[in-house]
Amino acid sequence: MTMSLRRPQRPAQVGNVRAGPSQQVREPTLVDIPVGSPSAGTVVLGEFRTLSAVRFTEDLGAVDERIMEAVEIGLRAVLDR
């Protein structure tokens, strides 16, 4: 009698999305936040970055609803783990 061990099949990969039998999992994508110089501030991607730079205090006008929806989706993906 012989026994063979088979490796489990990996989900098919399409770009950054792994398609499983019943779900799709989006792989995280790293986004860099440009700042003038690191300082004591918020840790983003393992580095200290400041959020008090001028670019964060300027009023750039109304934010498009689609941008707010994209930000909300991104935050939910990170915080709802």
Protein backbone atom coordinates (compact mmCIF):
# COMPACT_ATOMS: atom_id res chain seq x y z
CA MET A 1 0.00 0.00 0.00
CA THR A 2 1.42 3.39 -0.95
CA MET A 3 0.36 6.77 0.34
CA SER A 4 0.98 10.03 -1.41
CA LEU A 5 0.86 13.45 0.17
CA ARG A 6 -0.42 16.25 -2.01
CA ARG A 7 0.22 19.91 -1.40
CA PRO A 8 -2.90 21.99 -0.95
CA GLN A 9 -3.74 23.95 -4.05
CA ARG A 10 -2.95 27.64 -3.94
CA PRO A 11 -5.70 30.08 -4.84
CA ALA A 12 -5.51 31.53 -8.34
CA GLN A 13 -3.80 34.90 -8.36
CA VAL A 14 -5.01 37.83 -10.41
CA GLY A 15 -2.87 40.95 -9.92
CA ASN A 16 -2.98 41.84 -6.24
CA VAL A 17 -6.16 39.85 -5.60
CA ARG A 18 -6.06 36.26 -4.39
CA ALA A 19 -9.22 34.44 -5.39
CA GLY A 20 -10.17 31.74 -2.90
CA PRO A 21 -12.98 29.22 -3.12
CA SER A 22 -15.55 31.54 -1.56
CA GLN A 23 -13.88 34.93 -1.20
CA GLN A 24 -11.43 37.38 -2.66
CA VAL A 25 -8.67 38.83 -0.48
CA ARG A 26 -6.97 42.02 -1.65
CA GLU A 27 -3.27 42.12 -0.87
CA PRO A 28 -2.17 45.30 0.93
CA THR A 29 -0.40 47.89 -1.18
CA LEU A 30 2.13 50.19 0.48
CA VAL A 31 1.65 53.89 -0.12
CA ASP A 32 4.33 56.38 0.87
CA ILE A 33 3.35 59.70 2.46
CA PRO A 34 5.83 62.41 1.44
CA VAL A 35 6.97 64.71 4.24
CA GLY A 36 9.75 67.26 4.65
CA SER A 37 11.67 65.56 7.44
CA PRO A 38 10.93 62.84 9.99
CA SER A 39 10.00 63.99 13.47
CA ALA A 40 8.23 62.70 16.54
CA GLY A 41 4.80 62.05 15.12
CA THR A 42 2.69 59.30 13.73
CA VAL A 43 4.21 55.95 12.79
CA VAL A 44 3.35 55.20 9.16
CA LEU A 45 4.79 52.09 7.50
CA GLY A 46 7.31 51.66 10.29
CA GLU A 47 8.80 55.13 10.01
CA PHE A 48 8.17 58.27 12.01
CA ARG A 49 6.37 60.86 9.92
CA THR A 50 4.89 64.18 10.89
CA LEU A 51 1.36 65.20 10.05
CA SER A 52 1.84 68.82 11.08
CA ALA A 53 3.47 69.96 7.83
CA VAL A 54 1.92 72.87 5.94
CA ARG A 55 0.36 70.54 3.36
CA PHE A 56 -1.91 69.14 6.06
CA THR A 57 -3.11 72.53 7.28
CA GLU A 58 -3.86 74.18 3.93
CA ASP A 59 -7.52 74.35 2.95
CA LEU A 60 -7.64 72.67 -0.44
CA GLY A 61 -11.40 72.99 -0.87
CA ALA A 62 -14.16 70.41 -0.86
CA VAL A 63 -13.25 66.72 -0.91
CA ASP A 64 -14.92 64.68 -3.62
CA GLU A 65 -17.43 62.11 -2.31
CA ARG A 66 -15.65 59.31 -4.19
CA ILE A 67 -12.38 60.13 -2.43
CA MET A 68 -14.08 60.00 0.98
CA GLU A 69 -15.64 56.65 0.06
CA ALA A 70 -12.22 55.29 -0.98
CA VAL A 71 -10.68 56.50 2.30
CA GLU A 72 -13.48 54.87 4.28
CA ILE A 73 -13.04 51.57 2.43
CA GLY A 74 -9.30 51.67 3.08
CA LEU A 75 -9.74 52.40 6.78
CA ARG A 76 -12.32 49.64 7.16
CA ALA A 77 -9.97 47.17 5.46
CA VAL A 78 -7.22 48.03 7.94
CA LEU A 79 -9.26 48.43 11.13
CA ASP A 80 -11.85 45.64 10.70
CA ARG A 81 -9.35 42.77 10.88
